[in-house]
């Protein structure tokens, strides 16, 4: 009986920690995720598999998207200011209206660039 309780408690703890690791800001980190308008500021999404995800209007400011797969994702109107994007896969991603950091002004403040309508796979 005692061993059964310990095993059940361990299984519950493992399931809880596994779920906590795959959900950030109410967004389940997986392909085709439904995360429109999610708050993912400073989220560590390094190498995340988010192909086909709906991240329209999501706040990804200063998020780590290094080596993430965002192929065919919808990032329309997303805030990508100061996000780290080295190695990110953008193939087929809708970036229309997404905001990026285009540099800094003379005071060191970030200067935004907004992707043009029809920006698929790259910001135009």
PDB file of N, CA and C in Angstrom:
ATOM      1  N   UNK A   1       0.830  -1.192   0.000  1.00  0.00           N
ATOM      2  CA  UNK A   1       0.000   0.000   0.000  1.00  0.00           C
ATOM      3  C   UNK A   1       0.876   1.259   0.000  1.00  0.00           C
ATOM      4  N   UNK A   2       1.895   1.278   0.875  1.00  0.00           N
ATOM      5  CA  UNK A   2       2.783   2.425   0.992  1.00  0.00           C
ATOM      6  C   UNK A   2       3.523   2.665  -0.331  1.00  0.00           C
ATOM      7  N   UNK A   3       4.004   1.593  -0.971  1.00  0.00           N
ATOM      8  CA  UNK A   3       4.719   1.702  -2.240  1.00  0.00           C
ATOM      9  C   UNK A   3       3.807   2.244  -3.329  1.00  0.00           C
ATOM     10  N   UNK A   4       2.551   1.852  -3.340  1.00  0.00           N
ATOM     11  CA  UNK A   4       1.597   2.324  -4.335  1.00  0.00           C
ATOM     12  C   UNK A   4       1.380   3.823  -4.214  1.00  0.00           C
ATOM     13  N   UNK A   5       1.275   4.322  -2.994  1.00  0.00           N
ATOM     14  CA  UNK A   5       1.073   5.750  -2.763  1.00  0.00           C
ATOM     15  C   UNK A   5       2.287   6.543  -3.231  1.00  0.00           C
ATOM     16  N   UNK A   6       3.487   6.049  -2.946  1.00  0.00           N
ATOM     17  CA  UNK A   6       4.715   6.724  -3.364  1.00  0.00           C
ATOM     18  C   UNK A   6       4.807   6.765  -4.883  1.00  0.00           C
ATOM     19  N   UNK A   7       4.503   5.652  -5.550  1.00  0.00           N
ATOM     20  CA  UNK A   7       4.556   5.606  -7.018  1.00  0.00           C
ATOM     21  C   UNK A   7       3.510   6.553  -7.608  1.00  0.00           C
ATOM     22  N   UNK A   8       2.300   6.562  -7.065  1.00  0.00           N
ATOM     23  CA  UNK A   8       1.246   7.454  -7.557  1.00  0.00           C
ATOM     24  C   UNK A   8       1.644   8.914  -7.376  1.00  0.00           C
ATOM     25  N   UNK A   9       2.223   9.247  -6.233  1.00  0.00           N
ATOM     26  CA  UNK A   9       2.666  10.624  -5.975  1.00  0.00           C
ATOM     27  C   UNK A   9       3.775  11.019  -6.941  1.00  0.00           C
ATOM     28  N   UNK A  10       4.704  10.115  -7.205  1.00  0.00           N
ATOM     29  CA  UNK A  10       5.796  10.394  -8.144  1.00  0.00           C
ATOM     30  C   UNK A  10       5.249  10.603  -9.556  1.00  0.00           C
ATOM     31  N   UNK A  11       4.290   9.780  -9.958  1.00  0.00           N
ATOM     32  CA  UNK A  11       3.693   9.910 -11.286  1.00  0.00           C
ATOM     33  C   UNK A  11       2.961  11.240 -11.423  1.00  0.00           C
ATOM     34  N   UNK A  12       2.242  11.659 -10.398  1.00  0.00           N
ATOM     35  CA  UNK A  12       1.530  12.923 -10.408  1.00  0.00           C
ATOM     36  C   UNK A  12       2.504  14.100 -10.487  1.00  0.00           C
ATOM     37  N   UNK A  13       3.583  14.034  -9.715  1.00  0.00           N
ATOM     38  CA  UNK A  13       4.598  15.092  -9.737  1.00  0.00           C
ATOM     39  C   UNK A  13       5.240  15.184 -11.116  1.00  0.00           C
ATOM     40  N   UNK A  14       5.540  14.047 -11.749  1.00  0.00           N
ATOM     41  CA  UNK A  14       6.136  14.036 -13.083  1.00  0.00           C
ATOM     42  C   UNK A  14       5.174  14.628 -14.098  1.00  0.00           C
ATOM     43  N   UNK A  15       3.911  14.238 -14.046  1.00  0.00           N
ATOM     44  CA  UNK A  15       2.918  14.751 -14.986  1.00  0.00           C
ATOM     45  C   UNK A  15       2.754  16.255 -14.831  1.00  0.00           C
ATOM     46  N   UNK A  16       2.749  16.763 -13.602  1.00  0.00           N
ATOM     47  CA  UNK A  16       2.605  18.195 -13.360  1.00  0.00           C
ATOM     48  C   UNK A  16       3.793  18.967 -13.894  1.00  0.00           C
ATOM     49  N   UNK A  17       5.018  18.458 -13.673  1.00  0.00           N
ATOM     50  CA  UNK A  17       6.201  19.172 -14.143  1.00  0.00           C
ATOM     51  C   UNK A  17       6.301  19.111 -15.657  1.00  0.00           C
ATOM     52  N   UNK A  18       5.907  17.997 -16.275  1.00  0.00           N
ATOM     53  CA  UNK A  18       5.953  17.884 -17.732  1.00  0.00           C
ATOM     54  C   UNK A  18       4.986  18.882 -18.364  1.00  0.00           C
ATOM     55  N   UNK A  19       3.795  19.036 -17.766  1.00  0.00           N
ATOM     56  CA  UNK A  19       2.820  19.974 -18.290  1.00  0.00           C
ATOM     57  C   UNK A  19       3.318  21.404 -18.118  1.00  0.00           C
ATOM     58  N   UNK A  20       3.920  21.722 -16.991  1.00  0.00           N
ATOM     59  CA  UNK A  20       4.409  23.072 -16.740  1.00  0.00           C
ATOM     60  C   UNK A  20       5.502  23.457 -17.734  1.00  0.00           C
ATOM     61  N   UNK A  21       6.279  22.504 -18.175  1.00  0.00           N
ATOM     62  CA  UNK A  21       7.371  22.789 -19.093  1.00  0.00           C
ATOM     63  C   UNK A  21       6.873  23.026 -20.515  1.00  0.00           C
ATOM     64  N   UNK A  22       5.698  22.537 -20.879  1.00  0.00           N
ATOM     65  CA  UNK A  22       5.222  22.679 -22.247  1.00  0.00           C
ATOM     66  C   UNK A  22       4.169  23.771 -22.408  1.00  0.00           C
ATOM     67  N   UNK A  23       3.798  24.443 -21.332  1.00  0.00           N
ATOM     68  CA  UNK A  23       2.831  25.530 -21.406  1.00  0.00           C
ATOM     69  C   UNK A  23       3.476  26.796 -20.837  1.00  0.00           C
ATOM     70  N   UNK A  24       3.475  27.860 -21.646  1.00  0.00           N
ATOM     71  CA  UNK A  24       4.058  29.132 -21.225  1.00  0.00           C
ATOM     72  C   UNK A  24       3.041  30.225 -21.510  1.00  0.00           C
ATOM     73  N   UNK A  25       2.724  31.005 -20.515  1.00  0.00           N
ATOM     74  CA  UNK A  25       1.775  32.098 -20.694  1.00  0.00           C
ATOM     75  C   UNK A  25       0.419  31.638 -21.201  1.00  0.00           C
ATOM     76  N   UNK A  26       0.011  30.439 -20.815  1.00  0.00           N
ATOM     77  CA  UNK A  26      -1.264  29.889 -21.253  1.00  0.00           C
ATOM     78  C   UNK A  26      -1.218  29.289 -22.644  1.00  0.00           C
ATOM     79  N   UNK A  27      -0.049  29.247 -23.241  1.00  0.00           N
ATOM     80  CA  UNK A  27       0.124  28.723 -24.590  1.00  0.00           C
ATOM     81  C   UNK A  27       0.823  27.370 -24.531  1.00  0.00           C
ATOM     82  N   UNK A  28       0.178  26.346 -25.054  1.00  0.00           N
ATOM     83  CA  UNK A  28       0.799  25.024 -25.105  1.00  0.00           C
ATOM     84  C   UNK A  28       1.800  25.025 -26.255  1.00  0.00           C
ATOM     85  N   UNK A  29       3.066  24.788 -25.938  1.00  0.00           N
ATOM     86  CA  UNK A  29       4.141  24.867 -26.926  1.00  0.00           C
ATOM     87  C   UNK A  29       4.196  23.559 -27.715  1.00  0.00           C
ATOM     88  N   UNK A  30       3.572  23.602 -28.909  1.00  0.00           N
ATOM     89  CA  UNK A  30       3.517  22.431 -29.781  1.00  0.00           C
ATOM     90  C   UNK A  30       3.128  22.893 -31.178  1.00  0.00           C
ATOM     91  N   UNK A  31       3.383  22.067 -32.201  1.00  0.00           N
ATOM     92  CA  UNK A  31       2.951  22.440 -33.551  1.00  0.00           C
ATOM     93  C   UNK A  31       1.439  22.699 -33.584  1.00  0.00           C
ATOM     94  N   UNK A  32       1.039  23.659 -34.395  1.00  0.00           N
ATOM     95  CA  UNK A  32      -0.364  24.053 -34.593  1.00  0.00           C
ATOM     96  C   UNK A  32      -1.045  24.571 -33.320  1.00  0.00           C
ATOM     97  N   UNK A  33      -0.257  25.083 -32.393  1.00  0.00           N
ATOM     98  CA  UNK A  33      -0.798  25.637 -31.143  1.00  0.00           C
ATOM     99  C   UNK A  33      -1.731  26.804 -31.447  1.00  0.00           C
ATOM    100  N   UNK A  34      -2.740  26.978 -30.641  1.00  0.00           N
ATOM    101  CA  UNK A  34      -3.699  28.084 -30.764  1.00  0.00           C
ATOM    102  C   UNK A  34      -3.355  29.111 -29.678  1.00  0.00           C
ATOM    103  N   UNK A  35      -2.492  30.054 -30.027  1.00  0.00           N
ATOM    104  CA  UNK A  35      -1.962  30.994 -29.036  1.00  0.00           C
ATOM    105  C   UNK A  35      -2.111  32.450 -29.468  1.00  0.00           C
ATOM    106  N   UNK A  36      -3.196  32.772 -30.163  1.00  0.00           N
ATOM    107  CA  UNK A  36      -3.427  34.154 -30.580  1.00  0.00           C
ATOM    108  C   UNK A  36      -3.446  35.060 -29.346  1.00  0.00           C
ATOM    109  N   UNK A  37      -2.767  36.184 -29.448  1.00  0.00           N
ATOM    110  CA  UNK A  37      -2.689  37.207 -28.395  1.00  0.00           C
ATOM    111  C   UNK A  37      -2.051  36.699 -27.096  1.00  0.00           C
ATOM    112  N   UNK A  38      -1.274  35.631 -27.171  1.00  0.00           N
ATOM    113  CA  UNK A  38      -0.598  35.104 -25.973  1.00  0.00           C
ATOM    114  C   UNK A  38       0.455  36.093 -25.482  1.00  0.00           C
ATOM    115  N   UNK A  39       0.647  36.143 -24.183  1.00  0.00           N
ATOM    116  CA  UNK A  39       1.660  36.991 -23.550  1.00  0.00           C
ATOM    117  C   UNK A  39       2.894  36.113 -23.311  1.00  0.00           C
ATOM    118  N   UNK A  40       3.873  36.231 -24.199  1.00  0.00           N
ATOM    119  CA  UNK A  40       5.083  35.415 -24.137  1.00  0.00           C
ATOM    120  C   UNK A  40       6.335  36.279 -24.023  1.00  0.00           C
ATOM    121  N   UNK A  41       6.212  37.390 -23.305  1.00  0.00           N
ATOM    122  CA  UNK A  41       7.332  38.314 -23.110  1.00  0.00           C
ATOM    123  C   UNK A  41       8.461  37.577 -22.389  1.00  0.00           C
ATOM    124  N   UNK A  42       9.662  37.666 -22.955  1.00  0.00           N
ATOM    125  CA  UNK A  42      10.883  37.048 -22.413  1.00  0.00           C
ATOM    126  C   UNK A  42      10.794  35.521 -22.286  1.00  0.00           C
ATOM    127  N   UNK A  43       9.866  34.901 -23.001  1.00  0.00           N
ATOM    128  CA  UNK A  43       9.713  33.439 -22.931  1.00  0.00           C
ATOM    129  C   UNK A  43      10.923  32.758 -23.572  1.00  0.00           C
ATOM    130  N   UNK A  44      11.355  31.659 -22.992  1.00  0.00           N
ATOM    131  CA  UNK A  44      12.441  30.878 -23.562  1.00  0.00           C
ATOM    132  C   UNK A  44      11.833  29.817 -24.472  1.00  0.00           C
ATOM    133  N   UNK A  45      11.807  30.127 -25.766  1.00  0.00           N
ATOM    134  CA  UNK A  45      11.241  29.229 -26.769  1.00  0.00           C
ATOM    135  C   UNK A  45      12.336  28.698 -27.688  1.00  0.00           C
ATOM    136  N   UNK A  46      13.543  28.627 -27.162  1.00  0.00           N
ATOM    137  CA  UNK A  46      14.672  28.143 -27.941  1.00  0.00           C
ATOM    138  C   UNK A  46      14.369  26.739 -28.458  1.00  0.00           C
ATOM    139  N   UNK A  47      14.498  26.560 -29.776  1.00  0.00           N
ATOM    140  CA  UNK A  47      14.279  25.291 -30.469  1.00  0.00           C
ATOM    141  C   UNK A  47      12.848  24.754 -30.324  1.00  0.00           C
ATOM    142  N   UNK A  48      11.894  25.647 -30.007  1.00  0.00           N
ATOM    143  CA  UNK A  48      10.491  25.229 -29.876  1.00  0.00           C
ATOM    144  C   UNK A  48       9.939  24.804 -31.229  1.00  0.00           C
ATOM    145  N   UNK A  49       9.071  23.828 -31.223  1.00  0.00           N
ATOM    146  CA  UNK A  49       8.415  23.326 -32.430  1.00  0.00           C
ATOM    147  C   UNK A  49       7.021  23.953 -32.500  1.00  0.00           C
ATOM    148  N   UNK A  50       6.912  25.075 -33.215  1.00  0.00           N
ATOM    149  CA  UNK A  50       5.651  25.806 -33.313  1.00  0.00           C
ATOM    150  C   UNK A  50       5.199  25.957 -34.763  1.00  0.00           C
ATOM    151  N   UNK A  51       5.530  24.987 -35.603  1.00  0.00           N
ATOM    152  CA  UNK A  51       5.119  25.063 -37.001  1.00  0.00           C
ATOM    153  C   UNK A  51       3.595  25.059 -37.087  1.00  0.00           C
ATOM    154  N   UNK A  52       3.063  25.949 -37.925  1.00  0.00           N
ATOM    155  CA  UNK A  52       1.629  26.038 -38.119  1.00  0.00           C
ATOM    156  C   UNK A  52       0.866  26.643 -36.951  1.00  0.00           C
ATOM    157  N   UNK A  53       1.566  27.178 -35.951  1.00  0.00           N
ATOM    158  CA  UNK A  53       0.912  27.750 -34.768  1.00  0.00           C
ATOM    159  C   UNK A  53       0.245  29.080 -35.096  1.00  0.00           C
ATOM    160  N   UNK A  54      -0.838  29.390 -34.390  1.00  0.00           N
ATOM    161  CA  UNK A  54      -1.477  30.694 -34.490  1.00  0.00           C
ATOM    162  C   UNK A  54      -0.947  31.565 -33.366  1.00  0.00           C
ATOM    163  N   UNK A  55      -0.005  32.448 -33.708  1.00  0.00           N
ATOM    164  CA  UNK A  55       0.582  33.388 -32.760  1.00  0.00           C
ATOM    165  C   UNK A  55       0.224  34.817 -33.156  1.00  0.00           C
ATOM    166  N   UNK A  56      -0.897  34.967 -33.854  1.00  0.00           N
ATOM    167  CA  UNK A  56      -1.312  36.297 -34.305  1.00  0.00           C
ATOM    168  C   UNK A  56      -1.555  37.194 -33.094  1.00  0.00           C
ATOM    169  N   UNK A  57      -0.988  38.385 -33.156  1.00  0.00           N
ATOM    170  CA  UNK A  57      -1.148  39.347 -32.068  1.00  0.00           C
ATOM    171  C   UNK A  57      -0.418  38.976 -30.783  1.00  0.00           C
ATOM    172  N   UNK A  58       0.401  37.939 -30.815  1.00  0.00           N
ATOM    173  CA  UNK A  58       1.126  37.510 -29.610  1.00  0.00           C
ATOM    174  C   UNK A  58       2.209  38.519 -29.242  1.00  0.00           C
ATOM    175  N   UNK A  59       2.462  38.648 -27.953  1.00  0.00           N
ATOM    176  CA  UNK A  59       3.526  39.522 -27.467  1.00  0.00           C
ATOM    177  C   UNK A  59       4.744  38.657 -27.166  1.00  0.00           C
ATOM    178  N   UNK A  60       5.687  38.664 -28.096  1.00  0.00           N
ATOM    179  CA  UNK A  60       6.916  37.876 -27.989  1.00  0.00           C
ATOM    180  C   UNK A  60       8.120  38.780 -27.747  1.00  0.00           C
ATOM    181  N   UNK A  61       7.884  39.932 -27.140  1.00  0.00           N
ATOM    182  CA  UNK A  61       8.973  40.881 -26.910  1.00  0.00           C
ATOM    183  C   UNK A  61      10.072  40.229 -26.074  1.00  0.00           C
ATOM    184  N   UNK A  62      11.302  40.342 -26.558  1.00  0.00           N
ATOM    185  CA  UNK A  62      12.505  39.832 -25.891  1.00  0.00           C
ATOM    186  C   UNK A  62      12.474  38.313 -25.679  1.00  0.00           C
ATOM    187  N   UNK A  63      11.624  37.612 -26.412  1.00  0.00           N
ATOM    188  CA  UNK A  63      11.578  36.149 -26.302  1.00  0.00           C
ATOM    189  C   UNK A  63      12.788  35.536 -27.002  1.00  0.00           C
ATOM    190  N   UNK A  64      13.207  34.386 -26.533  1.00  0.00           N
ATOM    191  CA  UNK A  64      14.291  33.653 -27.186  1.00  0.00           C
ATOM    192  C   UNK A  64      13.664  32.665 -28.171  1.00  0.00           C
ATOM    193  N   UNK A  65      13.732  33.006 -29.459  1.00  0.00           N
ATOM    194  CA  UNK A  65      13.194  32.151 -30.519  1.00  0.00           C
ATOM    195  C   UNK A  65      14.318  31.486 -31.306  1.00  0.00           C
ATOM    196  N   UNK A  66      15.526  31.484 -30.761  1.00  0.00           N
ATOM    197  CA  UNK A  66      16.676  30.902 -31.450  1.00  0.00           C
ATOM    198  C   UNK A  66      16.394  29.455 -31.828  1.00  0.00           C
ATOM    199  N   UNK A  67      16.618  29.133 -33.092  1.00  0.00           N
ATOM    200  CA  UNK A  67      16.455  27.784 -33.637  1.00  0.00           C
ATOM    201  C   UNK A  67      15.038  27.229 -33.500  1.00  0.00           C
ATOM    202  N   UNK A  68      14.053  28.100 -33.270  1.00  0.00           N
ATOM    203  CA  UNK A  68      12.654  27.651 -33.191  1.00  0.00           C
ATOM    204  C   UNK A  68      12.123  27.398 -34.597  1.00  0.00           C
ATOM    205  N   UNK A  69      11.175  26.486 -34.719  1.00  0.00           N
ATOM    206  CA  UNK A  69      10.520  26.203 -35.996  1.00  0.00           C
ATOM    207  C   UNK A  69       9.173  26.917 -36.009  1.00  0.00           C
ATOM    208  N   UNK A  70       9.110  28.029 -36.733  1.00  0.00           N
ATOM    209  CA  UNK A  70       7.884  28.793 -36.885  1.00  0.00           C
ATOM    210  C   UNK A  70       7.376  28.713 -38.321  1.00  0.00           C
ATOM    211  N   UNK A  71       7.751  27.661 -39.030  1.00  0.00           N
ATOM    212  CA  UNK A  71       7.315  27.504 -40.411  1.00  0.00           C
ATOM    213  C   UNK A  71       5.793  27.437 -40.467  1.00  0.00           C
ATOM    214  N   UNK A  72       5.224  28.159 -41.423  1.00  0.00           N
ATOM    215  CA  UNK A  72       3.778  28.207 -41.655  1.00  0.00           C
ATOM    216  C   UNK A  72       2.979  28.720 -40.457  1.00  0.00           C
ATOM    217  N   UNK A  73       3.638  29.366 -39.506  1.00  0.00           N
ATOM    218  CA  UNK A  73       2.937  29.935 -38.348  1.00  0.00           C
ATOM    219  C   UNK A  73       2.305  31.267 -38.738  1.00  0.00           C
ATOM    220  N   UNK A  74       1.242  31.637 -38.041  1.00  0.00           N
ATOM    221  CA  UNK A  74       0.602  32.931 -38.250  1.00  0.00           C
ATOM    222  C   UNK A  74       1.082  33.879 -37.159  1.00  0.00           C
ATOM    223  N   UNK A  75       1.935  34.833 -37.548  1.00  0.00           N
ATOM    224  CA  UNK A  75       2.479  35.830 -36.625  1.00  0.00           C
ATOM    225  C   UNK A  75       1.970  37.226 -36.983  1.00  0.00           C
ATOM    226  N   UNK A  76       0.823  37.292 -37.637  1.00  0.00           N
ATOM    227  CA  UNK A  76       0.250  38.582 -38.029  1.00  0.00           C
ATOM    228  C   UNK A  76       0.085  39.477 -36.814  1.00  0.00           C
ATOM    229  N   UNK A  77       0.688  40.676 -36.865  1.00  0.00           N
ATOM    230  CA  UNK A  77       0.549  41.647 -35.794  1.00  0.00           C
ATOM    231  C   UNK A  77       1.288  41.292 -34.510  1.00  0.00           C
ATOM    232  N   UNK A  78       2.150  40.302 -34.547  1.00  0.00           N
ATOM    233  CA  UNK A  78       2.893  39.906 -33.341  1.00  0.00           C
ATOM    234  C   UNK A  78       3.967  40.938 -33.003  1.00  0.00           C
ATOM    235  N   UNK A  79       4.261  41.072 -31.711  1.00  0.00           N
ATOM    236  CA  UNK A  79       5.333  41.951 -31.240  1.00  0.00           C
ATOM    237  C   UNK A  79       6.594  41.106 -31.078  1.00  0.00           C
ATOM    238  N   UNK A  80       7.560  41.333 -31.956  1.00  0.00           N
ATOM    239  CA  UNK A  80       8.832  40.602 -31.921  1.00  0.00           C
ATOM    240  C   UNK A  80       9.993  41.528 -31.570  1.00  0.00           C
ATOM    241  N   UNK A  81       9.681  42.657 -30.939  1.00  0.00           N
ATOM    242  CA  UNK A  81      10.724  43.614 -30.567  1.00  0.00           C
ATOM    243  C   UNK A  81      11.735  42.946 -29.635  1.00  0.00           C
ATOM    244  N   UNK A  82      13.007  43.057 -29.972  1.00  0.00           N
ATOM    245  CA  UNK A  82      14.132  42.541 -29.192  1.00  0.00           C
ATOM    246  C   UNK A  82      14.138  41.016 -29.032  1.00  0.00           C
ATOM    247  N   UNK A  83      13.329  40.310 -29.820  1.00  0.00           N
ATOM    248  CA  UNK A  83      13.345  38.842 -29.772  1.00  0.00           C
ATOM    249  C   UNK A  83      14.642  38.331 -30.398  1.00  0.00           C
ATOM    250  N   UNK A  84      15.174  37.256 -29.835  1.00  0.00           N
ATOM    251  CA  UNK A  84      16.368  36.613 -30.400  1.00  0.00           C
ATOM    252  C   UNK A  84      15.900  35.580 -31.418  1.00  0.00           C
ATOM    253  N   UNK A  85      16.370  35.719 -32.655  1.00  0.00           N
ATOM    254  CA  UNK A  85      15.841  34.899 -33.744  1.00  0.00           C
ATOM    255  C   UNK A  85      16.900  34.161 -34.562  1.00  0.00           C
ATOM    256  N   UNK A  86      18.119  34.049 -34.053  1.00  0.00           N
ATOM    257  CA  UNK A  86      19.181  33.361 -34.808  1.00  0.00           C
ATOM    258  C   UNK A  86      18.777  31.908 -35.062  1.00  0.00           C
ATOM    259  N   UNK A  87      18.791  31.522 -36.319  1.00  0.00           N
ATOM    260  CA  UNK A  87      18.495  30.142 -36.680  1.00  0.00           C
ATOM    261  C   UNK A  87      17.020  29.782 -36.716  1.00  0.00           C
ATOM    262  N   UNK A  88      16.144  30.772 -36.498  1.00  0.00           N
ATOM    263  CA  UNK A  88      14.704  30.513 -36.514  1.00  0.00           C
ATOM    264  C   UNK A  88      14.254  30.174 -37.932  1.00  0.00           C
ATOM    265  N   UNK A  89      13.371  29.200 -38.057  1.00  0.00           N
ATOM    266  CA  UNK A  89      12.827  28.799 -39.362  1.00  0.00           C
ATOM    267  C   UNK A  89      11.525  29.569 -39.582  1.00  0.00           C
ATOM    268  N   UNK A  90      11.503  30.421 -40.626  1.00  0.00           N
ATOM    269  CA  UNK A  90      10.358  31.279 -40.928  1.00  0.00           C
ATOM    270  C   UNK A  90       9.606  30.843 -42.180  1.00  0.00           C
ATOM    271  N   UNK A  91       9.995  29.774 -42.842  1.00  0.00           N
ATOM    272  CA  UNK A  91       9.428  29.365 -44.121  1.00  0.00           C
ATOM    273  C   UNK A  91       7.899  29.344 -44.075  1.00  0.00           C
ATOM    274  N   UNK A  92       7.264  30.138 -44.914  1.00  0.00           N
ATOM    275  CA  UNK A  92       5.813  30.164 -45.002  1.00  0.00           C
ATOM    276  C   UNK A  92       5.104  30.887 -43.871  1.00  0.00           C
ATOM    277  N   UNK A  93       5.851  31.440 -42.929  1.00  0.00           N
ATOM    278  CA  UNK A  93       5.226  32.147 -41.796  1.00  0.00           C
ATOM    279  C   UNK A  93       4.625  33.469 -42.257  1.00  0.00           C
ATOM    280  N   UNK A  94       3.433  33.793 -41.764  1.00  0.00           N
ATOM    281  CA  UNK A  94       2.770  35.059 -42.081  1.00  0.00           C
ATOM    282  C   UNK A  94       3.241  36.105 -41.071  1.00  0.00           C
ATOM    283  N   UNK A  95       4.044  37.052 -41.551  1.00  0.00           N
ATOM    284  CA  UNK A  95       4.616  38.095 -40.694  1.00  0.00           C
ATOM    285  C   UNK A  95       3.984  39.463 -40.945  1.00  0.00           C
ATOM    286  N   UNK A  96       2.878  39.501 -41.663  1.00  0.00           N
ATOM    287  CA  UNK A  96       2.207  40.767 -41.970  1.00  0.00           C
ATOM    288  C   UNK A  96       1.861  41.524 -40.689  1.00  0.00           C
ATOM    289  N   UNK A  97       2.323  42.771 -40.595  1.00  0.00           N
ATOM    290  CA  UNK A  97       2.012  43.605 -39.442  1.00  0.00           C
ATOM    291  C   UNK A  97       2.813  43.299 -38.191  1.00  0.00           C
ATOM    292  N   UNK A  98       3.725  42.336 -38.260  1.00  0.00           N
ATOM    293  CA  UNK A  98       4.566  42.022 -37.092  1.00  0.00           C
ATOM    294  C   UNK A  98       5.579  43.144 -36.879  1.00  0.00           C
ATOM    295  N   UNK A  99       5.905  43.416 -35.618  1.00  0.00           N
ATOM    296  CA  UNK A  99       6.855  44.480 -35.274  1.00  0.00           C
ATOM    297  C   UNK A  99       8.202  43.890 -34.895  1.00  0.00           C
ATOM    298  N   UNK A 100       9.269  44.442 -35.471  1.00  0.00           N
ATOM    299  CA  UNK A 100      10.647  44.005 -35.223  1.00  0.00           C
ATOM    300  C   UNK A 100      11.468  45.190 -34.758  1.00  0.00           C
ATOM    301  N   UNK A 101      12.604  44.920 -34.185  1.00  0.00           N
ATOM    302  CA  UNK A 101      13.535  45.981 -33.836  1.00  0.00           C
ATOM    303  C   UNK A 101      14.443  46.225 -35.028  1.00  0.00           C
ATOM    304  N   UNK A 102      14.408  47.450 -35.555  1.00  0.00           N
ATOM    305  CA  UNK A 102      15.201  47.797 -36.724  1.00  0.00           C
ATOM    306  C   UNK A 102      16.494  48.504 -36.340  1.00  0.00           C
ATOM    307  N   UNK A 103      16.743  48.652 -35.075  1.00  0.00           N
ATOM    308  CA  UNK A 103      17.929  49.357 -34.595  1.00  0.00           C
ATOM    309  C   UNK A 103      17.574  50.158 -33.355  1.00  0.00           C
ATOM    310  N   UNK A 104      18.423  51.106 -33.032  1.00  0.00           N
ATOM    311  CA  UNK A 104      18.204  51.962 -31.859  1.00  0.00           C
ATOM    312  C   UNK A 104      18.386  53.417 -32.265  1.00  0.00           C
ATOM    313  N   UNK A 105      17.644  54.299 -31.600  1.00  0.00           N
ATOM    314  CA  UNK A 105      17.804  55.719 -31.865  1.00  0.00           C
ATOM    315  C   UNK A 105      19.029  56.249 -31.121  1.00  0.00           C
ATOM    316  N   UNK A 106      19.273  57.543 -31.230  1.00  0.00           N
ATOM    317  CA  UNK A 106      20.468  58.136 -30.611  1.00  0.00           C
ATOM    318  C   UNK A 106      20.438  58.087 -29.084  1.00  0.00           C
ATOM    319  N   UNK A 107      19.282  57.788 -28.504  1.00  0.00           N
ATOM    320  CA  UNK A 107      19.157  57.667 -27.049  1.00  0.00           C
ATOM    321  C   UNK A 107      19.236  56.209 -26.584  1.00  0.00           C
ATOM    322  N   UNK A 108      19.380  55.289 -27.542  1.00  0.00           N
ATOM    323  CA  UNK A 108      19.464  53.868 -27.195  1.00  0.00           C
ATOM    324  C   UNK A 108      18.124  53.160 -27.127  1.00  0.00           C
ATOM    325  N   UNK A 109      17.061  53.858 -27.497  1.00  0.00           N
ATOM    326  CA  UNK A 109      15.738  53.245 -27.482  1.00  0.00           C
ATOM    327  C   UNK A 109      15.518  52.424 -28.758  1.00  0.00           C
ATOM    328  N   UNK A 110      14.808  51.295 -28.651  1.00  0.00           N
ATOM    329  CA  UNK A 110      14.552  50.483 -29.845  1.00  0.00           C
ATOM    330  C   UNK A 110      13.671  51.219 -30.855  1.00  0.00           C
ATOM    331  N   UNK A 111      13.991  51.038 -32.133  1.00  0.00           N
ATOM    332  CA  UNK A 111      13.208  51.613 -33.221  1.00  0.00           C
ATOM    333  C   UNK A 111      12.503  50.452 -33.913  1.00  0.00           C
ATOM    334  N   UNK A 112      11.185  50.549 -34.023  1.00  0.00           N
ATOM    335  CA  UNK A 112      10.387  49.457 -34.579  1.00  0.00           C
ATOM    336  C   UNK A 112      10.308  49.510 -36.098  1.00  0.00           C
ATOM    337  N   UNK A 113      10.188  48.318 -36.676  1.00  0.00           N
ATOM    338  CA  UNK A 113       9.886  48.157 -38.089  1.00  0.00           C
ATOM    339  C   UNK A 113       8.669  47.244 -38.144  1.00  0.00           C
ATOM    340  N   UNK A 114       7.681  47.608 -38.932  1.00  0.00           N
ATOM    341  CA  UNK A 114       6.491  46.783 -39.081  1.00  0.00           C
ATOM    342  C   UNK A 114       6.510  46.140 -40.457  1.00  0.00           C
ATOM    343  N   UNK A 115       6.291  44.833 -40.497  1.00  0.00           N
ATOM    344  CA  UNK A 115       6.287  44.102 -41.761  1.00  0.00           C
ATOM    345  C   UNK A 115       5.078  44.508 -42.602  1.00  0.00           C
ATOM    346  N   UNK A 116       5.284  44.606 -43.900  1.00  0.00           N
ATOM    347  CA  UNK A 116       4.223  44.988 -44.830  1.00  0.00           C
ATOM    348  C   UNK A 116       3.208  43.851 -44.998  1.00  0.00           C
ATOM    349  N   UNK A 117       1.994  44.200 -45.391  1.00  0.00           N
ATOM    350  CA  UNK A 117       1.016  43.145 -45.691  1.00  0.00           C
ATOM    351  C   UNK A 117       1.578  42.206 -46.756  1.00  0.00           C
ATOM    352  N   UNK A 118       1.304  40.944 -46.632  1.00  0.00           N
ATOM    353  CA  UNK A 118       1.795  39.950 -47.591  1.00  0.00           C
ATOM    354  C   UNK A 118       3.192  39.458 -47.292  1.00  0.00           C
ATOM    355  N   UNK A 119       3.748  39.783 -46.121  1.00  0.00           N
ATOM    356  CA  UNK A 119       5.086  39.307 -45.733  1.00  0.00           C
ATOM    357  C   UNK A 119       4.989  37.843 -45.314  1.00  0.00           C
ATOM    358  N   UNK A 120       5.361  36.968 -46.209  1.00  0.00           N
ATOM    359  CA  UNK A 120       5.326  35.536 -45.936  1.00  0.00           C
ATOM    360  C   UNK A 120       6.757  34.997 -45.965  1.00  0.00           C
ATOM    361  N   UNK A 121       7.199  34.427 -44.859  1.00  0.00           N
ATOM    362  CA  UNK A 121       8.541  33.849 -44.774  1.00  0.00           C
ATOM    363  C   UNK A 121       9.649  34.846 -44.484  1.00  0.00           C
ATOM    364  N   UNK A 122       9.362  36.127 -44.683  1.00  0.00           N
ATOM    365  CA  UNK A 122      10.344  37.192 -44.404  1.00  0.00           C
ATOM    366  C   UNK A 122       9.594  38.503 -44.263  1.00  0.00           C
ATOM    367  N   UNK A 123      10.160  39.408 -43.499  1.00  0.00           N
ATOM    368  CA  UNK A 123       9.556  40.727 -43.294  1.00  0.00           C
ATOM    369  C   UNK A 123       9.921  41.626 -44.477  1.00  0.00           C
ATOM    370  N   UNK A 124       8.898  42.210 -45.101  1.00  0.00           N
ATOM    371  CA  UNK A 124       9.118  43.112 -46.234  1.00  0.00           C
ATOM    372  C   UNK A 124       8.786  44.533 -45.845  1.00  0.00           C
TER     373      UNK A 124
END
